[in-house]
Structure formats: C-alpha cells, structure tokens
C-alpha atoms as a PDB file:
ATOM      1  CA  MET A   1      13.857  -7.385  11.774  1.00  0.00           C
ATOM      2  CA  GLU A   2      11.590  -6.401  14.681  1.00  0.00           C
ATOM      3  CA  THR A   3       9.854  -9.278  16.446  1.00  0.00           C
ATOM      4  CA  ASN A   4       6.280  -8.333  15.446  1.00  0.00           C
ATOM      5  CA  TYR A   5       7.322  -7.879  11.838  1.00  0.00           C
ATOM      6  CA  ARG A   6       9.136 -11.213  11.868  1.00  0.00           C
ATOM      7  CA  ILE A   7       6.067 -12.987  13.256  1.00  0.00           C
ATOM      8  CA  ALA A   8       3.827 -11.518  10.528  1.00  0.00           C
ATOM      9  CA  TYR A   9       6.455 -12.159   7.836  1.00  0.00           C
ATOM     10  CA  ASP A  10       6.872 -15.823   8.785  1.00  0.00           C
ATOM     11  CA  LYS A  11       3.135 -16.380   9.225  1.00  0.00           C
ATOM     12  CA  TYR A  12       2.226 -15.073   5.775  1.00  0.00           C
ATOM     13  CA  TRP A  13       4.927 -17.139   4.102  1.00  0.00           C
ATOM     14  CA  GLN A  14       3.500 -20.199   5.807  1.00  0.00           C
ATOM     15  CA  ASP A  15      -0.046 -19.263   4.791  1.00  0.00           C
ATOM     16  CA  ILE A  16       1.060 -18.922   1.159  1.00  0.00           C
ATOM     17  CA  LYS A  17       2.827 -22.282   1.181  1.00  0.00           C
ATOM     18  CA  GLU A  18      -0.296 -23.948   2.550  1.00  0.00           C
ATOM     19  CA  LYS A  19      -2.372 -22.654  -0.370  1.00  0.00           C
ATOM     20  CA  GLN A  20      -2.488 -24.114  -3.833  1.00  0.00           C
ATOM     21  CA  ALA A  21      -0.683 -21.809  -6.268  1.00  0.00           C
ATOM     22  CA  GLU A  22      -3.686 -22.115  -8.615  1.00  0.00           C
ATOM     23  CA  GLU A  23      -5.951 -20.688  -5.918  1.00  0.00           C
ATOM     24  CA  ILE A  24      -3.746 -17.621  -5.604  1.00  0.00           C
ATOM     25  CA  THR A  25      -3.339 -17.003  -9.330  1.00  0.00           C
ATOM     26  CA  LYS A  26      -7.090 -17.467  -9.824  1.00  0.00           C
ATOM     27  CA  ASN A  27      -7.940 -14.769  -7.291  1.00  0.00           C
ATOM     28  CA  ARG A  28      -5.016 -12.378  -7.745  1.00  0.00           C
ATOM     29  CA  ALA A  29      -3.466 -10.757 -10.825  1.00  0.00           C
ATOM     30  CA  VAL A  30      -0.157 -12.570 -10.357  1.00  0.00           C
ATOM     31  CA  SER A  31       1.764 -15.256 -12.239  1.00  0.00           C
ATOM     32  CA  TYR A  32       3.452 -18.384 -10.912  1.00  0.00           C
ATOM     33  CA  ASN A  33       6.467 -20.340 -12.150  1.00  0.00           C
ATOM     34  CA  SER A  34       5.892 -23.928 -11.035  1.00  0.00           C
ATOM     35  CA  GLN A  35       9.472 -24.967 -11.827  1.00  0.00           C
ATOM     36  CA  CYS A  36      11.070 -22.297  -9.637  1.00  0.00           C
ATOM     37  CA  HIS A  37       8.117 -22.025  -7.222  1.00  0.00           C
ATOM     38  CA  GLN A  38       8.087 -18.269  -7.648  1.00  0.00           C
ATOM     39  CA  PHE A  39       5.279 -15.729  -7.903  1.00  0.00           C
ATOM     40  CA  GLU A  40       5.585 -12.496  -9.875  1.00  0.00           C
ATOM     41  CA  VAL A  41       3.656  -9.541  -8.482  1.00  0.00           C
ATOM     42  CA  SER A  42       3.224  -5.947  -9.623  1.00  0.00           C
ATOM     43  CA  PHE A  43       3.704  -3.535  -6.701  1.00  0.00           C
ATOM     44  CA  PHE A  44       3.666   0.228  -7.336  1.00  0.00           C
ATOM     45  CA  ASN A  45       4.208  -0.486 -11.046  1.00  0.00           C
ATOM     46  CA  SER A  46       7.377  -2.535 -10.468  1.00  0.00           C
ATOM     47  CA  GLU A  47       7.574  -6.297 -10.918  1.00  0.00           C
ATOM     48  CA  TYR A  48       8.667  -8.315  -7.887  1.00  0.00           C
ATOM     49  CA  VAL A  49       9.581 -11.975  -7.491  1.00  0.00           C
ATOM     50  CA  LEU A  50       8.440 -13.923  -4.442  1.00  0.00           C
ATOM     51  CA  ASP A  51      10.767 -16.893  -4.126  1.00  0.00           C
ATOM     52  CA  CYS A  52       8.892 -19.434  -1.998  1.00  0.00           C
ATOM     53  CA  PRO A  53      11.749 -21.898  -1.272  1.00  0.00           C
ATOM     54  CA  ALA A  54      14.111 -19.099  -0.212  1.00  0.00           C
ATOM     55  CA  GLU A  55      11.346 -16.944   1.328  1.00  0.00           C
ATOM     56  CA  LYS A  56      12.761 -13.851  -0.332  1.00  0.00           C
ATOM     57  CA  ILE A  57      11.199 -10.962  -2.230  1.00  0.00           C
ATOM     58  CA  TYR A  58      13.141  -8.882  -4.716  1.00  0.00           C
ATOM     59  CA  ARG A  59      12.603  -6.557  -7.661  1.00  0.00           C
ATOM     60  CA  LYS A  60      12.808  -8.447 -10.931  1.00  0.00           C
ATOM     61  CA  SER A  61      14.712  -5.758 -12.826  1.00  0.00           C
ATOM     62  CA  ASP A  62      17.687  -5.404 -10.484  1.00  0.00           C
ATOM     63  CA  GLY A  63      17.350  -7.874  -7.589  1.00  0.00           C
ATOM     64  CA  HIS A  64      16.720  -5.091  -5.047  1.00  0.00           C
ATOM     65  CA  SER A  65      15.144  -6.514  -1.871  1.00  0.00           C
ATOM     66  CA  LEU A  66      11.806  -5.081  -0.822  1.00  0.00           C
ATOM     67  CA  ASP A  67      11.699  -3.460   2.622  1.00  0.00           C
ATOM     68  CA  ILE A  68      10.019  -5.323   5.488  1.00  0.00           C
ATOM     69  CA  MET A  69       6.746  -3.372   5.549  1.00  0.00           C
ATOM     70  CA  GLY A  70       6.295  -3.671   1.801  1.00  0.00           C
ATOM     71  CA  SER A  71       7.141  -7.371   2.023  1.00  0.00           C
ATOM     72  CA  ILE A  72       4.501  -7.997   4.683  1.00  0.00           C
ATOM     73  CA  ILE A  73       1.856  -6.143   2.657  1.00  0.00           C
ATOM     74  CA  MET A  74       2.719  -8.129  -0.469  1.00  0.00           C
ATOM     75  CA  LEU A  75       2.721 -11.445   1.400  1.00  0.00           C
ATOM     76  CA  ASN A  76      -0.651 -10.628   2.936  1.00  0.00           C
ATOM     77  CA  TYR A  77      -1.976  -9.752  -0.525  1.00  0.00           C
ATOM     78  CA  LEU A  78      -1.191 -13.317  -1.672  1.00  0.00           C
ATOM     79  CA  ALA A  79      -2.070 -15.090   1.578  1.00  0.00           C
ATOM     80  CA  TYR A  80      -5.483 -13.352   1.629  1.00  0.00           C
ATOM     81  CA  ALA A  81      -6.351 -14.500  -1.913  1.00  0.00           C
ATOM     82  CA  ARG A  82     -10.010 -15.454  -2.236  1.00  0.00           C
ATOM     83  CA  PRO A  83     -12.919 -14.724  -4.599  1.00  0.00           C
ATOM     84  CA  LEU A  84     -13.986 -11.085  -4.560  1.00  0.00           C
ATOM     85  CA  GLN A  85     -17.279  -9.265  -4.705  1.00  0.00           C
ATOM     86  CA  ARG A  86     -16.382  -6.143  -6.654  1.00  0.00           C
ATOM     87  CA  SER A  87     -18.059  -2.898  -5.627  1.00  0.00           C
ATOM     88  CA  ILE A  88     -18.605   0.285  -7.595  1.00  0.00           C
ATOM     89  CA  HIS A  89     -15.637   2.608  -7.779  1.00  0.00           C
ATOM     90  CA  LYS A  90     -15.467   5.415  -5.278  1.00  0.00           C
ATOM     91  CA  TRP A  91     -13.038   6.556  -2.616  1.00  0.00           C
ATOM     92  CA  ILE A  92     -13.493   5.980   1.095  1.00  0.00           C
ATOM     93  CA  SER A  93     -11.411   6.822   4.147  1.00  0.00           C
ATOM     94  CA  LEU A  94     -10.099   4.328   6.670  1.00  0.00           C
ATOM     95  CA  LYS A  95     -12.967   5.301   8.982  1.00  0.00           C
ATOM     96  CA  GLU A  96     -15.445   3.778   6.517  1.00  0.00           C
ATOM     97  CA  ILE A  97     -13.705   0.411   6.210  1.00  0.00           C
ATOM     98  CA  PRO A  98     -15.405  -2.378   8.216  1.00  0.00           C
ATOM     99  CA  ASN A  99     -13.798  -4.499  10.918  1.00  0.00           C
ATOM    100  CA  GLY A 100     -11.728  -1.899  12.681  1.00  0.00           C
ATOM    101  CA  GLY A 101     -11.145   1.055  10.378  1.00  0.00           C
ATOM    102  CA  ALA A 102     -12.863   3.595  12.617  1.00  0.00           C
ATOM    103  CA  LEU A 103     -11.260   2.130  15.737  1.00  0.00           C
ATOM    104  CA  PHE A 104      -7.748   2.528  14.377  1.00  0.00           C
ATOM    105  CA  TYR A 105      -8.300   5.864  12.657  1.00  0.00           C
ATOM    106  CA  PRO A 106      -7.129   8.193  15.481  1.00  0.00           C
ATOM    107  CA  ALA A 107      -3.703   6.545  15.606  1.00  0.00           C
ATOM    108  CA  PHE A 108      -3.596   6.404  11.799  1.00  0.00           C
ATOM    109  CA  HIS A 109      -4.379  10.108  11.607  1.00  0.00           C
ATOM    110  CA  LYS A 110      -1.610  10.943  14.055  1.00  0.00           C
ATOM    111  CA  ASN A 111       1.031   8.717  12.485  1.00  0.00           C
ATOM    112  CA  SER A 112       0.195   8.960   8.773  1.00  0.00           C
ATOM    113  CA  ILE A 113      -2.060  11.937   8.003  1.00  0.00           C
ATOM    114  CA  ILE A 114      -0.406  14.637  10.110  1.00  0.00           C
ATOM    115  CA  PRO A 115       3.054  13.955   8.597  1.00  0.00           C
ATOM    116  CA  LEU A 116       1.517  14.457   5.136  1.00  0.00           C
ATOM    117  CA  VAL A 117       0.047  17.786   6.236  1.00  0.00           C
ATOM    118  CA  LYS A 118       3.395  18.905   7.617  1.00  0.00           C
ATOM    119  CA  ALA A 119       5.228  17.866   4.451  1.00  0.00           C
ATOM    120  CA  PHE A 120       2.799  19.123   1.806  1.00  0.00           C
ATOM    121  CA  GLY A 121       0.276  21.403   3.530  1.00  0.00           C
ATOM    122  CA  VAL A 122       2.158  24.537   2.491  1.00  0.00           C
ATOM    123  CA  GLN A 123       3.577  23.155  -0.760  1.00  0.00           C
ATOM    124  CA  SER A 124       0.889  20.900  -2.180  1.00  0.00           C
ATOM    125  CA  GLN A 125       2.381  20.861  -5.694  1.00  0.00           C
ATOM    126  CA  GLU A 126       5.469  19.166  -4.269  1.00  0.00           C
ATOM    127  CA  LEU A 127       3.272  16.106  -3.809  1.00  0.00           C
ATOM    128  CA  TYR A 128       3.202  15.602  -7.596  1.00  0.00           C
ATOM    129  CA  ARG A 129       6.966  15.575  -7.920  1.00  0.00           C
ATOM    130  CA  VAL A 130       7.506  13.199  -5.022  1.00  0.00           C
ATOM    131  CA  ALA A 131       4.628  10.871  -5.975  1.00  0.00           C
ATOM    132  CA  ALA A 132       5.961  10.536  -9.517  1.00  0.00           C
ATOM    133  CA  THR A 133       8.968   8.641  -8.123  1.00  0.00           C
ATOM    134  CA  MET A 134       6.490   6.010  -6.896  1.00  0.00           C
ATOM    135  CA  GLY A 135       4.444   5.869 -10.091  1.00  0.00           C
ATOM    136  CA  GLY A 136       1.703   8.161  -8.790  1.00  0.00           C
ATOM    137  CA  ARG A 137      -0.537   9.974 -11.278  1.00  0.00           C
ATOM    138  CA  GLN A 138      -2.402  13.220 -10.755  1.00  0.00           C
ATOM    139  CA  ALA A 139      -6.047  13.272  -9.701  1.00  0.00           C
ATOM    140  CA  ASP A 140      -8.564  16.114  -9.635  1.00  0.00           C
ATOM    141  CA  LEU A 141      -9.156  16.389  -5.902  1.00  0.00           C
ATOM    142  CA  GLY A 142      -8.178  18.931  -3.256  1.00  0.00           C
ATOM    143  CA  ASP A 143      -5.286  21.290  -4.014  1.00  0.00           C
ATOM    144  CA  ALA A 144      -3.181  18.318  -5.046  1.00  0.00           C
ATOM    145  CA  ALA A 145      -3.965  14.612  -5.291  1.00  0.00           C
ATOM    146  CA  VAL A 146      -2.275  11.513  -6.627  1.00  0.00           C
ATOM    147  CA  ILE A 147      -3.451   7.984  -7.321  1.00  0.00           C
ATOM    148  CA  PHE A 148      -1.189   4.992  -6.789  1.00  0.00           C
ATOM    149  CA  GLN A 149      -1.667   1.597  -8.414  1.00  0.00           C
ATOM    150  CA  VAL A 150      -0.444  -0.448  -5.480  1.00  0.00           C
ATOM    151  CA  PHE A 151      -1.446  -3.857  -6.841  1.00  0.00           C
ATOM    152  CA  PRO A 152      -3.422  -4.524 -10.029  1.00  0.00           C
ATOM    153  CA  GLU A 153      -6.627  -4.720  -7.954  1.00  0.00           C
ATOM    154  CA  ILE A 154      -5.782  -2.019  -5.399  1.00  0.00           C
ATOM    155  CA  SER A 155      -5.616   1.723  -6.044  1.00  0.00           C
ATOM    156  CA  MET A 156      -5.170   4.401  -3.398  1.00  0.00           C
ATOM    157  CA  CYS A 157      -5.396   8.175  -3.430  1.00  0.00           C
ATOM    158  CA  VAL A 158      -3.572  10.806  -1.381  1.00  0.00           C
ATOM    159  CA  VAL A 159      -5.203  14.254  -1.228  1.00  0.00           C
ATOM    160  CA  VAL A 160      -3.730  17.464   0.201  1.00  0.00           C
ATOM    161  CA  TRP A 161      -5.363  20.828   0.923  1.00  0.00           C
ATOM    162  CA  GLU A 162      -3.072  23.776   1.530  1.00  0.00           C
ATOM    163  CA  GLY A 163      -3.387  25.883   4.645  1.00  0.00           C
ATOM    164  CA  ASP A 164      -2.710  29.552   5.313  1.00  0.00           C
ATOM    165  CA  GLU A 165      -2.557  31.892   8.276  1.00  0.00           C
ATOM    166  CA  GLU A 166      -6.240  31.370   9.010  1.00  0.00           C
ATOM    167  CA  VAL A 167      -6.933  27.794   7.927  1.00  0.00           C
ATOM    168  CA  ARG A 168      -4.785  24.795   8.725  1.00  0.00           C
ATOM    169  CA  GLY A 169      -3.738  22.493   5.909  1.00  0.00           C
ATOM    170  CA  ASN A 170      -5.292  19.051   5.665  1.00  0.00           C
ATOM    171  CA  ALA A 171      -4.743  15.716   3.969  1.00  0.00           C
ATOM    172  CA  THR A 172      -6.353  12.318   3.613  1.00  0.00           C
ATOM    173  CA  ILE A 173      -5.538   8.856   2.348  1.00  0.00           C
ATOM    174  CA  LEU A 174      -8.358   7.179   0.447  1.00  0.00           C
ATOM    175  CA  TYR A 175      -9.028   3.529  -0.378  1.00  0.00           C
ATOM    176  CA  GLU A 176     -11.372   1.728  -2.722  1.00  0.00           C
ATOM    177  CA  PRO A 177     -14.355  -0.091  -1.177  1.00  0.00           C
ATOM    178  CA  GLY A 178     -13.639  -3.781  -0.746  1.00  0.00           C
ATOM    179  CA  VAL A 179      -9.960  -3.325   0.064  1.00  0.00           C
ATOM    180  CA  ASP A 180     -10.651  -5.275   3.260  1.00  0.00           C
ATOM    181  CA  GLU A 181     -11.441  -8.282   1.040  1.00  0.00           C
ATOM    182  CA  LEU A 182      -7.962  -8.039  -0.463  1.00  0.00           C
ATOM    183  CA  LEU A 183      -5.915  -7.343   2.655  1.00  0.00           C
ATOM    184  CA  HIS A 184      -6.248  -7.899   6.385  1.00  0.00           C
ATOM    185  CA  ILE A 185      -7.259  -4.673   8.172  1.00  0.00           C
ATOM    186  CA  GLU A 186      -3.770  -4.388   9.692  1.00  0.00           C
ATOM    187  CA  SER A 187      -2.258  -4.473   6.208  1.00  0.00           C
ATOM    188  CA  VAL A 188      -4.844  -1.975   4.982  1.00  0.00           C
ATOM    189  CA  ILE A 189      -3.643   0.405   7.685  1.00  0.00           C
ATOM    190  CA  GLY A 190      -0.033  -0.549   7.050  1.00  0.00           C
ATOM    191  CA  LEU A 191      -0.396   0.255   3.353  1.00  0.00           C
ATOM    192  CA  GLY A 192      -1.630   3.757   4.106  1.00  0.00           C
ATOM    193  CA  SER A 193       1.232   4.259   6.533  1.00  0.00           C
ATOM    194  CA  TYR A 194       3.677   2.846   3.982  1.00  0.00           C
ATOM    195  CA  ILE A 195       2.617   5.367   1.333  1.00  0.00           C
ATOM    196  CA  SER A 196       2.682   8.264   3.786  1.00  0.00           C
ATOM    197  CA  GLU A 197       6.126   7.368   5.069  1.00  0.00           C
ATOM    198  CA  LYS A 198       7.565   6.998   1.561  1.00  0.00           C
ATOM    199  CA  LEU A 199       6.154  10.338   0.409  1.00  0.00           C
ATOM    200  CA  VAL A 200       7.273  12.241   3.500  1.00  0.00           C
ATOM    201  CA  ARG A 201      10.733  10.692   3.479  1.00  0.00           C
ATOM    202  CA  ARG A 202      11.299  11.479  -0.189  1.00  0.00           C
ATOM    203  CA  SER A 203      10.079  15.034   0.322  1.00  0.00           C
ATOM    204  CA  VAL A 204      12.445  15.593   3.235  1.00  0.00           C
ATOM    205  CA  SER A 205      15.391  14.000   1.427  1.00  0.00           C
ATOM    206  CA  SER A 206      14.971  16.404  -1.479  1.00  0.00           C
ATOM    207  CA  LEU A 207      15.302  19.514   0.665  1.00  0.00           C
END
C-alpha cells in the first residue's frame, strides 16, 4: 500500500473509532452490529462489511476485499458523517463544487475525463455494457450516459458525446450538489477518478 494511501486509510479508521456508532448510523444509511463492532455499507449496489477491530473491509456475499481507493472513499464516507442540508436534485461538475473543485479540475480532466473520451468517444454505446457490470443505469444525457448509486445518499453520472472527423468526442463526470458535505473534497475527486478508472479498465479488458 502506497504511503499516502496508508496515511489516509489509517487516519479514517481512527476517525471512525473516535465517533459514536450511533452518530454515524444517524447521519448515514448504514447499519451497525454492536456485538461484532461492524458496519454494513452499500457501495455500488453491493453490501460491504467494515470490521472495526480488524480494520478490514470486505464484500458481504463472498468476502472479497475492497481495493485501497474504494476502501478510503468508504472510510471517508463514514468518518465524515454529520447532519446534512439536502439540496434540490441536479447535476454539477467538479468545477462547481466548493472548497477546491475548480482548483483541482485541470488535473482531474487530464487523469479522469480524457481516458473516458479515449475509451468511449468513438463507441459511446459501449459505456452501457461496461457500466452495467458496476450497477450503472442508463440516463438521457449526451450520446450515452449512466448513473451510479455509489452510496445510498450519493449518485453520480458519467456522460459521453461521440466525436467524428470534425468534432472531438467529449465526456464529463457529474455529481449531486452537497456531495462535499458527504465526502472530503479529496474523496470527491477520488470517487470520480475511481469510476473513470473502473470503466476504462473494464472496457480495455473486454477488447
């Protein structure tokens, strides 16, 4: 595990342990087993167990361990638990998210948006097939779009526009307003990168 990931991983575990379980379950759509000291969390429509004593995260159905980036996002989701002020539903880009979204967007565009364009900009319908393996459902945006239910309170949308000889393809990753109340801005960015990487990797692996 890379050093920066390990630091974030350990910090969020500690933050969770310092909170009262009731505070987390009150402010997040998760359950808690007080006998085992375990949380159960829905992540991309799969149920995961967060074992606090062992500091491990695994899929409930088969015991599969969650990868490090997904683990950090999930830990931050619990560690960041606090009362929310819900906003009306609409989609916004990273640039519109307060506290750093616009600042980090150029790097996010390079690392997460451009790979989506390369993977799906000339075959937008392929996005539907690949996204279905992650529980994505079709949306009526662009040439192809999918919505992911990341956590019960967090949805995200990936949109692709096909290019041709005259117009370059394009893509975007959209969030719901208030996502910065559910995750730290670094995890907000990390979540977008996580989705992009999973989609691109699964597209490439199918070729």
